[in-house]
Each structure stands twice: as C-alpha cells, then as structure tokens.
Amino acid sequence: MLVDMLNSCGFNLLSKKDTIVSSVSYIQFSTISDKGIPYNLFIDKKTSLPKLLRIVENAEQPYILEYNYSDFEKCDSFEEILLDNPTEKPKKVEVLKVGDNIPNWEFETTEGNRVSISGNKGQIKILFLSTIHCAPCQKAIPMMKRFHKESVVNRNIDCVVFYPDDEKEALLDYVEKKGIDYPLAFYPGKDGKQRYALREKIMYGFPTTLILNSRNEIVWIRTGFHKDLEKEIDKVLKNQPITRAHK
C-alpha cells in the first residue's frame, strides 16, 4: 500500500531494505521524485510508523535534510488527508514555472503582519523559499538581509522570505539564534489539505529564489545557493522595467 501511495504522488521506488539506525530496526524505502530528488523514508519495523525522512535536495550542491516525524504536530483525525473519492487518483499538480502568475497566497510574518504575494501589483517581487534545517539557506541569510533592506528603501521592490515547512514557534527561535533582523513569512493555516496544495505548487529544493515582474508573473527561478547568486539576482532585477534605487 505504501509503495502504491508513493507511486501515486510521483515517487519511483528504487529499493527497499532492512536497516538499523540508532539500534532501532527499520525498513528503508529509497525513492526518487519526479524532479530527480532522492528521498529515503524509514519505517519502524515494530510500530509500522514512519520515523525519519532524508532528502538530498541538490545534486550539484549536495546536502541532506532530515525530518523526524516525532517533531511534527500530531493529528487527531485522518479526515484531512483522505481523498473525497477513494477510487480517484490524486490529480497531478503543476509546479510553478517561469511565465506563471503566483496564486493569491496570504502568509503571516514572525512580526505578526499579513503578507499577500499576489497583491501590490506594480512592484517587482523577490520570493526566497527557505527552511530551518538547511545549511545553504543559512549561508544565504546575509544576501536575503541585504535585499530586504533594499526593499524597505525602494518601494518599487518587495522582498518576502518564506518558510513553507516551518511553524511560527520554531521560526521565532530560529530568528533569535541566527540574529535575523528581517521578518520571516510562514503559512499560518492549520488546514492540512491547503498546506499540502500550496507546497505542491512550489515543490523545489531549498533554497529557491523566484523573481516576479510588476504584473506578478514569474520571470526567473533559481534553486540552490552559490557565491554569484546575489550578482545573478541583481542582473535580473536590473533588466526589469522598474528601475531600482541605487545604494
């Protein structure tokens, strides 16, 4: 049944084997997503419950994300994740690409404000997608800080740093530990279906940078972080119709 679920969600099973992690016996399912990203799911042989998920986000800049299922918010009902029609296969959701418009998403920030991604037409928008458990995302913090500061000065540019997989409490702790002085956006809703639907539209590795033109159309997407990324973003912004303020 698990293999069928993985296949229906776009994952191809590469192997299944017994393994031991921290003296606990698991079944390890090695899969690869339709984006070519390896996922390793560990199922506790005693409880038959998922314990750990390991994800290799970027082959060119390898790093591993680990998600412990014990850290996730417990659900007291399976109603949210059941299909309305059990015989109906889940519809494949198209990931956002260059030329698409951002949906009418509203987020909350760690400062308690509301953010509308599709609002404020006429602005160029930089949307950074990040997650707490990501070393390259942490390396990108000074860059994100710089672009956010610039957006405060130049009203023609908006900058949103969005953490789609993280909750407010964890982000507030993260902000304090990392000395982050700009707001982090997160999805405030508790509806599992809506959260999953949003994540499917931005099923990229972390970090990912999206740039939107003044009509809210995506003009540029780049996954990963490297030393020349800031210059690449500057070049894309410079070529947009609205001129940026000089530093």
Protein backbone atom coordinates (compact mmCIF):
# COMPACT_ATOMS: atom_id res chain seq x y z
CA MET A 1 0.00 0.00 0.00
CA LEU A 2 2.83 2.40 0.86
CA VAL A 3 4.52 1.76 -2.49
CA ASP A 4 1.22 2.49 -4.28
CA MET A 5 0.91 5.77 -2.33
CA LEU A 6 4.45 6.78 -3.23
CA ASN A 7 3.86 6.00 -6.91
CA SER A 8 0.60 7.97 -6.95
CA CYS A 9 2.48 11.01 -5.58
CA GLY A 10 5.15 10.88 -8.30
CA PHE A 11 7.87 8.90 -6.48
CA ASN A 12 9.63 5.94 -8.08
CA LEU A 13 10.78 3.20 -5.73
CA LEU A 14 14.47 2.38 -6.21
CA SER A 15 14.96 -0.13 -3.40
CA LYS A 16 13.54 -1.47 -0.14
CA LYS A 17 15.80 -2.98 2.52
CA ASP A 18 16.14 -3.65 6.25
CA THR A 19 18.46 -1.34 8.14
CA ILE A 20 19.32 -0.22 11.67
CA VAL A 21 19.53 3.39 12.87
CA SER A 22 20.48 4.11 16.50
CA SER A 23 19.86 0.44 17.43
CA VAL A 24 16.31 0.51 16.01
CA SER A 25 15.27 -1.75 13.12
CA TYR A 26 13.72 -0.03 10.12
CA ILE A 27 12.61 -0.72 6.57
CA GLN A 28 14.28 1.84 4.32
CA PHE A 29 12.38 2.88 1.18
CA SER A 30 14.73 4.61 -1.27
CA THR A 31 12.78 6.61 -3.84
CA ILE A 32 13.32 9.41 -6.32
CA SER A 33 10.82 12.18 -7.05
CA ASP A 34 9.69 13.27 -10.50
CA LYS A 35 12.14 16.19 -10.02
CA GLY A 36 15.05 13.77 -9.61
CA ILE A 37 15.46 14.38 -5.88
CA PRO A 38 16.28 11.27 -3.76
CA TYR A 39 14.02 10.61 -0.75
CA ASN A 40 14.77 7.93 1.87
CA LEU A 41 11.87 7.01 4.14
CA PHE A 42 12.48 4.92 7.28
CA ILE A 43 9.57 2.85 8.66
CA ASP A 44 9.83 1.45 12.20
CA LYS A 45 9.50 -2.34 11.88
CA LYS A 46 7.96 -2.63 15.34
CA THR A 47 5.25 0.07 15.02
CA SER A 48 4.96 0.21 11.19
CA LEU A 49 5.05 4.02 11.51
CA PRO A 50 7.34 6.45 9.66
CA LYS A 51 10.24 7.65 11.76
CA LEU A 52 12.67 9.57 9.56
CA LEU A 53 12.79 11.16 6.11
CA ARG A 54 16.10 12.04 4.46
CA ILE A 55 16.15 14.25 1.37
CA VAL A 56 19.10 15.10 -0.89
CA GLU A 57 17.96 18.49 -2.15
CA ASN A 58 20.55 19.37 -4.76
CA ALA A 59 22.91 17.06 -6.63
CA GLU A 60 25.23 19.90 -7.65
CA GLN A 61 25.47 21.21 -4.11
CA PRO A 62 24.79 18.11 -2.01
CA TYR A 63 23.28 18.42 1.42
CA ILE A 64 20.85 16.27 3.32
CA LEU A 65 17.70 17.38 5.09
CA GLU A 66 16.39 15.18 7.88
CA TYR A 67 12.83 15.29 9.17
CA ASN A 68 11.95 13.39 12.32
CA TYR A 69 8.27 12.51 12.34
CA SER A 70 8.13 12.84 16.13
CA ASP A 71 8.75 16.58 15.66
CA PHE A 72 5.60 17.08 13.57
CA GLU A 73 2.32 18.29 15.04
CA LYS A 74 0.18 15.30 15.96
CA CYS A 75 -3.10 14.89 14.11
CA ASP A 76 -6.11 13.55 16.00
CA SER A 77 -8.02 12.66 12.84
CA PHE A 78 -7.27 11.23 9.42
CA GLU A 79 -10.18 13.11 7.88
CA GLU A 80 -7.98 15.85 6.44
CA ILE A 81 -5.82 13.64 4.30
CA LEU A 82 -8.38 11.19 2.95
CA LEU A 83 -9.46 11.61 -0.65
CA ASP A 84 -13.08 12.61 -1.16
CA ASN A 85 -13.35 9.67 -3.54
CA PRO A 86 -11.03 6.80 -2.51
CA THR A 87 -11.12 5.29 -6.00
CA GLU A 88 -10.00 8.54 -7.59
CA LYS A 89 -6.27 9.04 -8.11
CA PRO A 90 -4.82 12.35 -6.88
CA LYS A 91 -4.63 14.97 -9.60
CA LYS A 92 -1.10 15.89 -10.61
CA VAL A 93 -0.35 19.47 -9.63
CA GLU A 94 1.87 21.51 -11.92
CA VAL A 95 4.77 23.20 -10.16
CA LEU A 96 5.02 26.95 -10.76
CA LYS A 97 7.31 27.85 -13.64
CA VAL A 98 8.58 30.91 -15.47
CA GLY A 99 5.63 32.73 -17.06
CA ASP A 100 3.11 31.66 -14.40
CA ASN A 101 1.32 34.02 -12.04
CA ILE A 102 1.68 33.48 -8.30
CA PRO A 103 -1.62 32.33 -6.72
CA ASN A 104 -3.42 34.57 -4.25
CA TRP A 105 -1.46 33.38 -1.22
CA GLU A 106 -1.55 35.14 2.12
CA PHE A 107 1.06 34.47 4.77
CA GLU A 108 1.87 35.73 8.24
CA THR A 109 5.26 37.01 9.35
CA THR A 110 7.22 36.50 12.55
CA GLU A 111 6.46 40.15 13.31
CA GLY A 112 2.71 39.43 13.25
CA ASN A 113 1.90 41.08 9.91
CA ARG A 114 -0.01 39.67 6.94
CA VAL A 115 1.71 39.32 3.56
CA SER A 116 -0.07 38.95 0.21
CA ILE A 117 2.20 37.60 -2.52
CA SER A 118 -0.13 38.45 -5.39
CA GLY A 119 -1.03 41.89 -4.02
CA ASN A 120 0.68 45.21 -4.69
CA LYS A 121 0.85 44.93 -8.47
CA GLY A 122 3.38 47.33 -9.92
CA GLN A 123 6.17 46.08 -7.67
CA ILE A 124 8.97 43.71 -8.58
CA LYS A 125 8.96 40.88 -6.04
CA ILE A 126 11.74 38.66 -4.77
CA LEU A 127 10.44 35.47 -3.14
CA PHE A 128 13.02 33.44 -1.24
CA LEU A 129 11.96 29.90 -0.27
CA SER A 130 13.87 28.56 2.72
CA THR A 131 13.68 26.09 5.58
CA ILE A 132 15.26 25.98 9.02
CA HIS A 133 17.09 22.65 8.54
CA CYS A 134 19.14 23.75 5.51
CA ALA A 135 22.81 24.77 5.59
CA PRO A 136 22.81 26.64 2.23
CA CYS A 137 19.70 28.57 3.37
CA GLN A 138 21.68 29.76 6.38
CA LYS A 139 24.57 30.81 4.14
CA ALA A 140 22.07 32.91 2.16
CA ILE A 141 20.91 34.89 5.23
CA PRO A 142 23.26 37.89 4.61
CA MET A 143 22.09 38.07 1.00
CA MET A 144 18.40 37.94 2.00
CA LYS A 145 19.09 40.60 4.63
CA ARG A 146 20.58 42.90 2.02
CA PHE A 147 17.65 42.55 -0.42
CA HIS A 148 15.11 43.04 2.34
CA LYS A 149 16.85 46.24 3.47
CA GLU A 150 16.86 47.48 -0.10
CA SER A 151 13.13 46.77 -0.46
CA VAL A 152 12.45 48.98 2.57
CA VAL A 153 14.22 51.89 0.85
CA ASN A 154 12.94 51.21 -2.68
CA ARG A 155 9.14 50.90 -2.72
CA ASN A 156 9.27 49.51 -6.27
CA ILE A 157 10.68 46.25 -4.88
CA ASP A 158 9.14 43.83 -2.41
CA CYS A 159 11.09 41.03 -0.74
CA VAL A 160 9.47 38.05 1.01
CA VAL A 161 11.43 35.28 2.75
CA PHE A 162 9.01 32.36 3.02
CA TYR A 163 9.44 29.20 5.12
CA PRO A 164 6.68 26.88 3.82
CA ASP A 165 7.56 23.88 6.00
CA ASP A 166 8.14 25.62 9.34
CA GLU A 167 5.83 26.81 12.13
CA LYS A 168 5.83 30.20 13.87
CA GLU A 169 7.27 29.00 17.20
CA ALA A 170 10.25 27.31 15.53
CA LEU A 171 10.86 30.37 13.33
CA LEU A 172 10.84 32.76 16.29
CA ASP A 173 13.51 30.62 17.96
CA TYR A 174 15.45 30.47 14.68
CA VAL A 175 15.33 34.26 14.27
CA GLU A 176 16.82 34.71 17.73
CA LYS A 177 19.54 32.08 17.30
CA LYS A 178 20.64 33.36 13.89
CA GLY A 179 20.33 37.07 14.68
CA ILE A 180 17.92 37.63 11.78
CA ASP A 181 16.60 41.20 11.66
CA TYR A 182 14.07 40.85 8.85
CA PRO A 183 10.60 39.21 9.01
CA LEU A 184 10.16 35.57 8.00
CA ALA A 185 6.88 34.56 6.38
CA PHE A 186 5.10 31.28 7.08
CA TYR A 187 1.81 29.57 6.28
CA PRO A 188 -0.48 30.32 9.26
CA GLY A 189 -3.32 27.91 8.46
CA LYS A 190 -3.91 24.55 10.14
CA ASP A 191 -5.73 23.01 7.16
CA GLY A 192 -3.53 20.11 6.04
CA LYS A 193 -5.04 19.99 2.55
CA GLN A 194 -4.39 23.66 1.88
CA ARG A 195 -0.84 23.49 3.20
CA TYR A 196 -0.09 20.46 1.04
CA ALA A 197 -1.68 22.09 -2.02
CA LEU A 198 0.49 25.18 -1.55
CA ARG A 199 3.64 23.09 -1.11
CA GLU A 200 2.90 21.12 -4.28
CA LYS A 201 2.96 24.34 -6.30
CA ILE A 202 6.45 25.19 -5.02
CA MET A 203 7.96 21.70 -4.87
CA TYR A 204 11.52 22.98 -5.25
CA GLY A 205 14.66 22.28 -3.29
CA PHE A 206 15.84 24.77 -0.69
CA PRO A 207 16.78 27.50 -1.03
CA THR A 208 14.96 28.65 -4.17
CA THR A 209 14.72 32.24 -5.42
CA LEU A 210 11.81 33.42 -7.57
CA ILE A 211 11.58 36.87 -9.14
CA LEU A 212 8.22 38.28 -10.24
CA ASN A 213 7.74 41.25 -12.56
CA SER A 214 5.34 44.12 -11.90
CA ARG A 215 2.46 42.02 -13.33
CA ASN A 216 3.10 39.24 -10.78
CA GLU A 217 4.49 36.92 -13.46
CA ILE A 218 7.44 34.71 -12.57
CA VAL A 219 10.39 35.78 -14.72
CA TRP A 220 13.22 33.86 -13.04
CA ILE A 221 13.72 30.82 -10.80
CA ARG A 222 16.94 29.50 -9.32
CA THR A 223 17.39 26.65 -6.83
CA GLY A 224 20.47 26.41 -4.61
CA PHE A 225 22.95 28.93 -3.27
CA HIS A 226 26.38 29.89 -4.58
CA LYS A 227 28.71 32.87 -4.29
CA ASP A 228 27.49 34.50 -7.53
CA LEU A 229 23.75 34.17 -6.81
CA GLU A 230 23.49 37.72 -5.48
CA LYS A 231 25.00 39.09 -8.69
CA GLU A 232 22.61 36.98 -10.76
CA ILE A 233 19.64 38.40 -8.87
CA ASP A 234 20.97 41.95 -9.30
CA LYS A 235 21.24 41.39 -13.05
CA VAL A 236 17.69 40.07 -13.35
CA LEU A 237 16.28 42.95 -11.31
CA LYS A 238 18.22 45.49 -13.34
CA ASN A 239 16.60 44.19 -16.54
CA GLN A 240 13.07 44.59 -15.18
CA PRO A 241 11.04 47.63 -16.38
CA ILE A 242 11.02 49.28 -12.94
CA THR A 243 14.41 50.78 -12.04
CA ARG A 244 15.82 50.04 -8.62
CA ALA A 245 17.07 52.66 -6.22
CA HIS A 246 20.83 52.95 -6.07
CA LYS A 247 22.58 52.01 -2.85
